[in-house]
Amino acid sequence: MVANILSIVVGIGAVVAALNDVFQSVIVPRAVGKRWRVSFVVWRGIWRLWPDLAWKLYPRNDSGREDFLAVFAPFTLVLLLGIWASLIIVGYGFIFWGLRGGLAPPVHSLGEAIYFAGTSALTVGFGDIVGKTAGTRLFSVVAAMTGLGIFSVVTAYLFALFGWFQTREQFVVIVGARAGTPPSGVNLLCIAGYSETRDDLDRVLIDAQRWVAQLMESHLAYPVLSFFRSSHDYESWVGTLGTLLDASTLLMTTVAGSRNGQARLFYNLGRHAAGDLSHYYRLGAGDKAPGVERQEFERACDRLQSAGYALAEREEAWKRFAELRSTYAGHLNAMAQWFAIPPLQWVGDRGAIKTVPHA
């Protein structure tokens, strides 16, 4: 009797763990607790190994490495679906093993009980094992309802994920067209100067505010979205966020005589997003440093001046720039390293950056 009760308790615990994870990961449209959640432990644990494996498999092949990194998110989704289904089937298997006296023909092993749980949860219903008591019949129906519910909810979840991903990437491509490849805040301003589209910057920053708001809502509610990589070379959502933040900071501190109201609004929203996302992934912020050397800032100023911008006094501009950038640079660099994004000016890896000429 004690063994049967223990088996039922273990089974209920496994089913509750799976349902709780599905509920918080798929249904709750906001950031939720991470402790004791199967999905958080799985994708975080695997990702700790995945980038290192990518570098070992493709040490000199950037394209192959990016393709391998891009497989992670779809692979994790399929794996989580399998884990959730397995937890439910095994959980109900333990329950039926504890109630095996109510099954006909008699079940002689835990494996047979799990088999019956699988046919019930997947609504296969071969009929070779049936429940003959109220308890086993009730759990058979509940198992079927649980299985159908899980697969229905996860199907809708996948469509929502792909919708959010497409929305995110459309804007990433737009910014890439305006900020070069790889994109940067300096490039964004310089290209606007050379192409005489400076008046469009306010509109870009307004669209960017909407994009960041959607990014926060979707990526905190559905964290696996953060691991979906852009289909375009040297582009990423982290890089786009850094590009827009740097451009806004330069407009606020270095470019003289410009309208920077939209830049200020984006700066506040963007650094808030960088901080929240970094905190969610437990990445920390490192030291409060601007992440840019004075010589790099001077070269950026020279480029801006060549693009036709009037600049503020450089010493004062550097002080303000360093102060404002230090509020988000640590978060950006932490995310760039964690998500292994392609090399980007001022963000993440300071290795060689391949620059594609812009038409």
Protein backbone atom coordinates (compact mmCIF):
# COMPACT_ATOMS: atom_id res chain seq x y z
CA MET A 1 0.00 0.00 0.00
CA VAL A 2 2.78 2.46 0.91
CA ALA A 3 4.62 1.71 -2.33
CA ASN A 4 1.44 2.29 -4.34
CA ILE A 5 0.78 5.63 -2.63
CA LEU A 6 4.39 6.68 -3.18
CA SER A 7 4.10 5.75 -6.86
CA ILE A 8 0.95 7.86 -7.22
CA VAL A 9 2.61 10.82 -5.48
CA VAL A 10 5.67 10.61 -7.74
CA GLY A 11 3.44 10.42 -10.79
CA ILE A 12 1.36 13.41 -9.77
CA GLY A 13 4.56 15.35 -9.08
CA ALA A 14 5.91 14.65 -12.59
CA VAL A 15 2.63 15.64 -14.24
CA VAL A 16 2.35 18.82 -12.18
CA ALA A 17 5.97 19.76 -13.01
CA ALA A 18 5.28 19.39 -16.74
CA LEU A 19 1.97 21.25 -16.63
CA ASN A 20 3.43 24.03 -14.50
CA ASP A 21 6.30 24.48 -16.94
CA VAL A 22 3.96 24.54 -19.95
CA PHE A 23 1.65 26.99 -18.19
CA GLN A 24 4.43 29.41 -17.28
CA SER A 25 6.43 29.02 -20.50
CA VAL A 26 3.60 29.06 -23.00
CA ILE A 27 0.42 30.51 -21.53
CA VAL A 28 1.53 33.23 -19.09
CA PRO A 29 2.35 36.27 -21.31
CA ARG A 30 5.04 37.77 -19.08
CA ALA A 31 8.35 36.96 -17.42
CA VAL A 32 7.87 34.30 -14.76
CA GLY A 33 9.97 32.59 -12.12
CA LYS A 34 12.84 30.42 -13.34
CA ARG A 35 13.51 28.14 -10.40
CA TRP A 36 12.37 24.53 -10.66
CA ARG A 37 11.24 25.02 -14.26
CA VAL A 38 12.28 22.23 -16.60
CA SER A 39 12.52 24.46 -19.68
CA PHE A 40 14.79 27.04 -18.02
CA VAL A 41 17.18 24.37 -16.76
CA VAL A 42 17.23 22.60 -20.15
CA TRP A 43 17.86 25.51 -22.52
CA ARG A 44 20.26 27.29 -20.18
CA GLY A 45 22.23 24.11 -19.50
CA ILE A 46 22.52 23.12 -23.15
CA TRP A 47 23.44 26.64 -24.27
CA ARG A 48 26.41 26.65 -21.89
CA LEU A 49 27.90 23.90 -24.07
CA TRP A 50 26.52 24.79 -27.51
CA PRO A 51 28.74 27.79 -28.50
CA ASP A 52 31.91 25.95 -27.41
CA LEU A 53 30.83 22.97 -29.48
CA ALA A 54 30.21 25.27 -32.46
CA TRP A 55 33.75 26.66 -32.24
CA LYS A 56 35.23 23.16 -31.98
CA LEU A 57 33.27 21.90 -34.98
CA TYR A 58 33.79 25.01 -37.13
CA PRO A 59 36.93 26.81 -35.85
CA ARG A 60 37.55 28.63 -39.15
CA ASN A 61 34.17 28.50 -40.84
CA ASP A 62 32.02 31.46 -39.79
CA SER A 63 29.09 30.38 -41.94
CA GLY A 64 29.09 26.82 -40.60
CA ARG A 65 29.39 28.05 -37.04
CA GLU A 66 26.46 30.44 -37.45
CA ASP A 67 24.37 27.68 -39.02
CA PHE A 68 25.14 25.41 -36.07
CA LEU A 69 24.27 28.14 -33.55
CA ALA A 70 21.03 28.81 -35.44
CA VAL A 71 19.97 25.18 -34.92
CA PHE A 72 19.90 25.61 -31.14
CA ALA A 73 16.52 27.33 -30.75
CA PRO A 74 14.51 24.98 -33.04
CA PHE A 75 16.27 21.97 -31.51
CA THR A 76 15.42 23.15 -28.00
CA LEU A 77 11.77 23.66 -28.89
CA VAL A 78 11.48 20.11 -30.23
CA LEU A 79 13.40 18.75 -27.24
CA LEU A 80 11.15 20.58 -24.76
CA LEU A 81 8.03 19.23 -26.45
CA GLY A 82 9.46 15.74 -26.12
CA ILE A 83 10.40 16.31 -22.48
CA TRP A 84 6.96 17.67 -21.59
CA ALA A 85 5.24 14.73 -23.32
CA SER A 86 7.61 12.24 -21.67
CA LEU A 87 7.09 13.72 -18.20
CA ILE A 88 3.34 13.51 -18.62
CA ILE A 89 3.39 9.93 -19.92
CA VAL A 90 5.85 8.71 -17.27
CA GLY A 91 3.94 10.60 -14.58
CA TYR A 92 0.64 8.99 -15.48
CA GLY A 93 2.51 5.68 -15.81
CA PHE A 94 3.50 5.90 -12.14
CA ILE A 95 -0.08 6.80 -11.24
CA PHE A 96 -1.45 3.78 -13.11
CA TRP A 97 1.23 1.60 -11.53
CA GLY A 98 -0.04 2.66 -8.13
CA LEU A 99 -3.59 1.89 -9.30
CA ARG A 100 -2.67 -1.26 -11.24
CA GLY A 101 -5.26 -3.33 -9.41
CA GLY A 102 -7.89 -1.43 -11.41
CA LEU A 103 -6.46 -2.33 -14.81
CA ALA A 104 -7.44 -5.29 -16.96
CA PRO A 105 -5.72 -7.45 -17.94
CA PRO A 106 -3.41 -7.22 -14.91
CA VAL A 107 -0.30 -5.07 -15.38
CA HIS A 108 2.88 -6.80 -14.20
CA SER A 109 5.52 -4.08 -14.68
CA LEU A 110 5.98 -0.33 -14.55
CA GLY A 111 6.79 -0.41 -18.25
CA GLU A 112 3.33 -1.78 -19.05
CA ALA A 113 1.75 0.96 -16.91
CA ILE A 114 3.75 3.62 -18.78
CA TYR A 115 2.67 2.03 -22.08
CA PHE A 116 -0.98 2.33 -21.05
CA ALA A 117 -0.36 5.94 -19.97
CA GLY A 118 1.17 6.68 -23.37
CA THR A 119 -1.77 5.24 -25.31
CA SER A 120 -4.13 7.26 -23.10
CA ALA A 121 -2.24 10.57 -23.26
CA LEU A 122 -1.69 10.28 -27.02
CA THR A 123 -5.32 9.15 -27.47
CA VAL A 124 -4.19 6.05 -29.39
CA GLY A 125 -6.50 3.77 -27.41
CA PHE A 126 -5.59 0.27 -28.63
CA GLY A 127 -7.87 -1.24 -25.99
CA ASP A 128 -5.46 -4.00 -25.02
CA ILE A 129 -5.39 -2.54 -21.49
CA VAL A 130 -8.45 -0.82 -20.02
CA GLY A 131 -9.47 0.64 -16.71
CA LYS A 132 -12.09 -1.26 -14.76
CA THR A 133 -12.40 0.99 -11.69
CA ALA A 134 -13.54 4.59 -11.31
CA GLY A 135 -10.00 5.77 -10.45
CA THR A 136 -8.24 4.25 -13.44
CA ARG A 137 -11.00 5.36 -15.82
CA LEU A 138 -10.88 8.90 -14.44
CA PHE A 139 -7.10 9.16 -14.85
CA SER A 140 -7.35 7.65 -18.35
CA VAL A 141 -9.70 10.45 -19.41
CA VAL A 142 -7.61 13.12 -17.63
CA ALA A 143 -4.45 11.80 -19.32
CA ALA A 144 -6.13 12.06 -22.73
CA MET A 145 -7.31 15.60 -21.98
CA THR A 146 -3.82 16.56 -20.81
CA GLY A 147 -2.14 15.17 -23.92
CA LEU A 148 -4.56 16.89 -26.29
CA GLY A 149 -4.29 20.14 -24.37
CA ILE A 150 -0.47 20.13 -24.34
CA PHE A 151 -0.15 19.57 -28.08
CA SER A 152 -2.85 22.13 -28.92
CA VAL A 153 -1.28 24.81 -26.72
CA VAL A 154 2.24 24.12 -27.96
CA THR A 155 1.08 24.31 -31.60
CA ALA A 156 -0.39 27.78 -30.97
CA TYR A 157 2.81 28.67 -29.08
CA LEU A 158 4.96 27.82 -32.11
CA PHE A 159 2.89 30.06 -34.39
CA ALA A 160 3.18 32.91 -31.88
CA LEU A 161 6.96 32.46 -31.65
CA PHE A 162 7.44 32.58 -35.41
CA GLY A 163 5.23 35.66 -35.62
CA TRP A 164 7.31 37.48 -32.99
CA PHE A 165 10.52 36.37 -34.71
CA GLN A 166 9.44 37.71 -38.10
CA THR A 167 8.40 41.03 -36.58
CA ARG A 168 11.75 41.34 -34.81
CA GLU A 169 13.81 40.44 -37.86
CA GLN A 170 12.00 42.82 -40.21
CA PHE A 171 13.25 45.76 -38.17
CA VAL A 172 16.72 44.22 -37.79
CA VAL A 173 16.98 44.15 -41.60
CA ILE A 174 15.74 47.75 -41.87
CA VAL A 175 18.37 48.97 -39.41
CA GLY A 176 21.01 46.90 -41.20
CA ALA A 177 20.16 48.69 -44.45
CA ARG A 178 20.63 52.06 -42.73
CA ALA A 179 23.62 51.21 -40.52
CA GLY A 180 25.83 49.02 -42.70
CA THR A 181 27.05 45.46 -42.20
CA PRO A 182 27.85 44.89 -39.43
CA PRO A 183 25.69 47.74 -38.11
CA SER A 184 26.88 50.35 -35.65
CA GLY A 185 25.60 53.59 -34.19
CA VAL A 186 28.37 55.56 -35.91
CA ASN A 187 27.52 53.97 -39.26
CA LEU A 188 23.83 54.76 -38.80
CA LEU A 189 24.53 58.45 -38.33
CA CYS A 190 27.23 58.66 -41.00
CA ILE A 191 25.12 56.93 -43.65
CA ALA A 192 22.25 59.29 -42.82
CA GLY A 193 24.65 62.21 -43.22
CA TYR A 194 26.13 61.07 -46.52
CA SER A 195 22.74 60.14 -47.98
CA GLU A 196 21.12 63.34 -46.71
CA THR A 197 18.46 61.43 -44.77
CA ARG A 198 19.10 62.93 -41.36
CA ASP A 199 15.49 64.06 -41.15
CA ASP A 200 14.46 60.39 -41.22
CA LEU A 201 16.34 59.60 -38.01
CA ASP A 202 13.44 60.71 -35.79
CA ARG A 203 11.09 58.35 -37.62
CA VAL A 204 13.60 55.52 -37.32
CA LEU A 205 13.91 56.10 -33.58
CA ILE A 206 10.12 56.20 -33.18
CA ASP A 207 9.88 52.84 -34.95
CA ALA A 208 12.77 51.64 -32.79
CA GLN A 209 10.84 52.50 -29.62
CA ARG A 210 7.97 50.29 -30.78
CA TRP A 211 10.43 47.56 -31.70
CA VAL A 212 12.13 47.61 -28.30
CA ALA A 213 8.76 47.56 -26.51
CA GLN A 214 7.78 44.48 -28.53
CA LEU A 215 11.21 42.97 -27.89
CA MET A 216 10.81 43.31 -24.13
CA GLU A 217 7.28 41.92 -24.13
CA SER A 218 8.06 38.92 -26.33
CA HIS A 219 11.57 37.96 -25.21
CA LEU A 220 10.83 38.15 -21.49
CA ALA A 221 7.59 36.17 -21.91
CA TYR A 222 9.11 33.62 -24.33
CA PRO A 223 12.87 33.48 -23.56
CA VAL A 224 13.66 30.92 -26.27
CA LEU A 225 13.04 33.72 -28.81
CA SER A 226 16.32 35.31 -27.72
CA PHE A 227 18.22 32.32 -29.13
CA PHE A 228 16.70 32.54 -32.61
CA ARG A 229 19.45 33.98 -34.78
CA SER A 230 19.03 36.34 -37.69
CA SER A 231 19.08 34.75 -41.12
CA HIS A 232 21.34 37.57 -42.37
CA ASP A 233 25.10 37.66 -41.90
CA TYR A 234 26.56 39.86 -39.15
CA GLU A 235 23.15 40.93 -37.85
CA SER A 236 21.43 40.19 -34.55
CA TRP A 237 18.80 41.66 -32.28
CA VAL A 238 21.47 42.40 -29.64
CA GLY A 239 23.57 44.20 -32.23
CA THR A 240 20.58 46.20 -33.44
CA LEU A 241 19.75 47.26 -29.89
CA GLY A 242 23.37 48.33 -29.37
CA THR A 243 23.44 50.18 -32.69
CA LEU A 244 20.36 52.22 -31.82
CA LEU A 245 21.52 52.93 -28.28
CA ASP A 246 24.92 54.14 -29.48
CA ALA A 247 23.35 56.31 -32.17
CA SER A 248 20.98 57.84 -29.62
CA THR A 249 23.82 58.49 -27.17
CA LEU A 250 25.92 60.17 -29.86
CA LEU A 251 23.00 62.40 -30.85
CA MET A 252 22.48 63.39 -27.22
CA THR A 253 26.13 64.06 -26.35
CA THR A 254 28.27 64.63 -29.44
CA VAL A 255 26.21 65.97 -32.35
CA ALA A 256 25.53 69.66 -31.87
CA GLY A 257 22.34 71.42 -32.94
CA SER A 258 20.34 68.25 -33.59
CA ARG A 259 16.84 67.47 -32.40
CA ASN A 260 17.44 64.73 -29.88
CA GLY A 261 14.04 64.33 -28.22
CA GLN A 262 13.36 60.95 -29.85
CA ALA A 263 16.94 59.91 -29.10
CA ARG A 264 16.38 60.63 -25.41
CA LEU A 265 13.16 58.62 -25.40
CA PHE A 266 14.83 55.68 -27.10
CA TYR A 267 17.86 55.86 -24.81
CA ASN A 268 15.65 55.55 -21.73
CA LEU A 269 13.66 52.68 -23.19
CA GLY A 270 16.65 50.90 -24.73
CA ARG A 271 18.84 50.88 -21.63
CA HIS A 272 15.84 49.70 -19.62
CA ALA A 273 15.42 46.79 -22.07
CA ALA A 274 19.14 45.94 -21.96
CA GLY A 275 19.08 45.89 -18.16
CA ASP A 276 15.91 43.81 -17.88
CA LEU A 277 17.01 41.22 -20.42
CA SER A 278 20.49 40.93 -18.95
CA HIS A 279 19.02 40.54 -15.47
CA TYR A 280 16.57 37.87 -16.64
CA TYR A 281 19.41 35.72 -18.00
CA ARG A 282 21.47 36.32 -14.83
CA LEU A 283 24.29 37.88 -16.82
CA GLY A 284 25.11 40.82 -14.59
CA ALA A 285 26.41 44.17 -15.82
CA GLY A 286 30.13 44.00 -15.10
CA ASP A 287 31.87 47.24 -14.21
CA LYS A 288 30.32 50.63 -14.91
CA ALA A 289 32.58 51.48 -17.84
CA PRO A 290 31.63 53.00 -21.20
CA GLY A 291 33.19 50.09 -23.09
CA VAL A 292 34.78 52.49 -25.59
CA GLU A 293 38.31 53.91 -25.54
CA ARG A 294 38.89 57.62 -25.98
CA GLN A 295 40.73 57.03 -29.26
CA GLU A 296 37.75 55.08 -30.63
CA PHE A 297 35.50 57.96 -29.68
CA GLU A 298 37.83 60.42 -31.44
CA ARG A 299 37.76 58.34 -34.62
CA ALA A 300 33.96 58.26 -34.44
CA CYS A 301 33.90 62.04 -34.10
CA ASP A 302 36.14 62.40 -37.17
CA ARG A 303 33.77 60.23 -39.18
CA LEU A 304 30.74 62.18 -38.03
CA GLN A 305 32.43 65.45 -38.93
CA SER A 306 33.26 64.11 -42.38
CA ALA A 307 29.60 63.15 -42.81
CA GLY A 308 28.59 66.78 -42.30
CA TYR A 309 27.65 66.89 -38.62
CA ALA A 310 28.49 69.82 -36.37
CA LEU A 311 30.02 68.48 -33.16
CA ALA A 312 30.03 69.65 -29.58
CA GLU A 313 33.30 70.40 -27.79
CA ARG A 314 34.99 67.00 -27.72
CA GLU A 315 36.24 66.94 -24.15
CA GLU A 316 32.80 67.71 -22.76
CA ALA A 317 31.15 65.40 -25.30
CA TRP A 318 33.43 62.53 -24.26
CA LYS A 319 32.57 62.97 -20.60
CA ARG A 320 28.83 62.92 -21.28
CA PHE A 321 29.13 60.09 -23.78
CA ALA A 322 31.13 57.92 -21.37
CA GLU A 323 28.70 58.65 -18.54
CA LEU A 324 25.58 57.73 -20.54
CA ARG A 325 27.08 54.71 -22.28
CA SER A 326 28.29 53.23 -19.00
CA THR A 327 24.62 52.72 -18.01
CA TYR A 328 24.06 50.08 -20.70
CA ALA A 329 27.45 49.00 -22.07
CA GLY A 330 27.97 46.27 -19.47
CA HIS A 331 24.54 44.75 -20.11
CA LEU A 332 25.05 44.85 -23.87
CA ASN A 333 28.48 43.24 -23.73
CA ALA A 334 27.23 40.55 -21.36
CA MET A 335 24.38 39.66 -23.73
CA ALA A 336 26.66 39.81 -26.78
CA GLN A 337 29.02 37.31 -25.18
CA TRP A 338 26.24 35.09 -23.83
CA PHE A 339 24.40 34.86 -27.16
CA ALA A 340 27.68 34.67 -29.15
CA ILE A 341 26.59 37.33 -31.63
CA PRO A 342 28.78 38.18 -34.66
CA PRO A 343 31.52 40.80 -34.09
CA LEU A 344 30.16 44.33 -33.80
CA GLN A 345 31.76 47.73 -33.28
CA TRP A 346 31.82 48.68 -29.58
CA VAL A 347 29.66 45.69 -28.56
CA GLY A 348 30.84 42.24 -27.50
CA ASP A 349 33.75 40.64 -29.35
CA ARG A 350 36.44 43.17 -30.35
CA GLY A 351 37.87 40.80 -32.94
CA ALA A 352 38.24 41.63 -36.61
CA ILE A 353 35.02 42.91 -38.14
CA LYS A 354 34.32 42.19 -41.76
CA THR A 355 32.71 45.20 -43.38
CA VAL A 356 30.54 44.81 -46.44
CA PRO A 357 30.52 47.92 -48.68
CA HIS A 358 27.19 49.69 -48.63
CA ALA A 359 25.46 50.59 -51.88
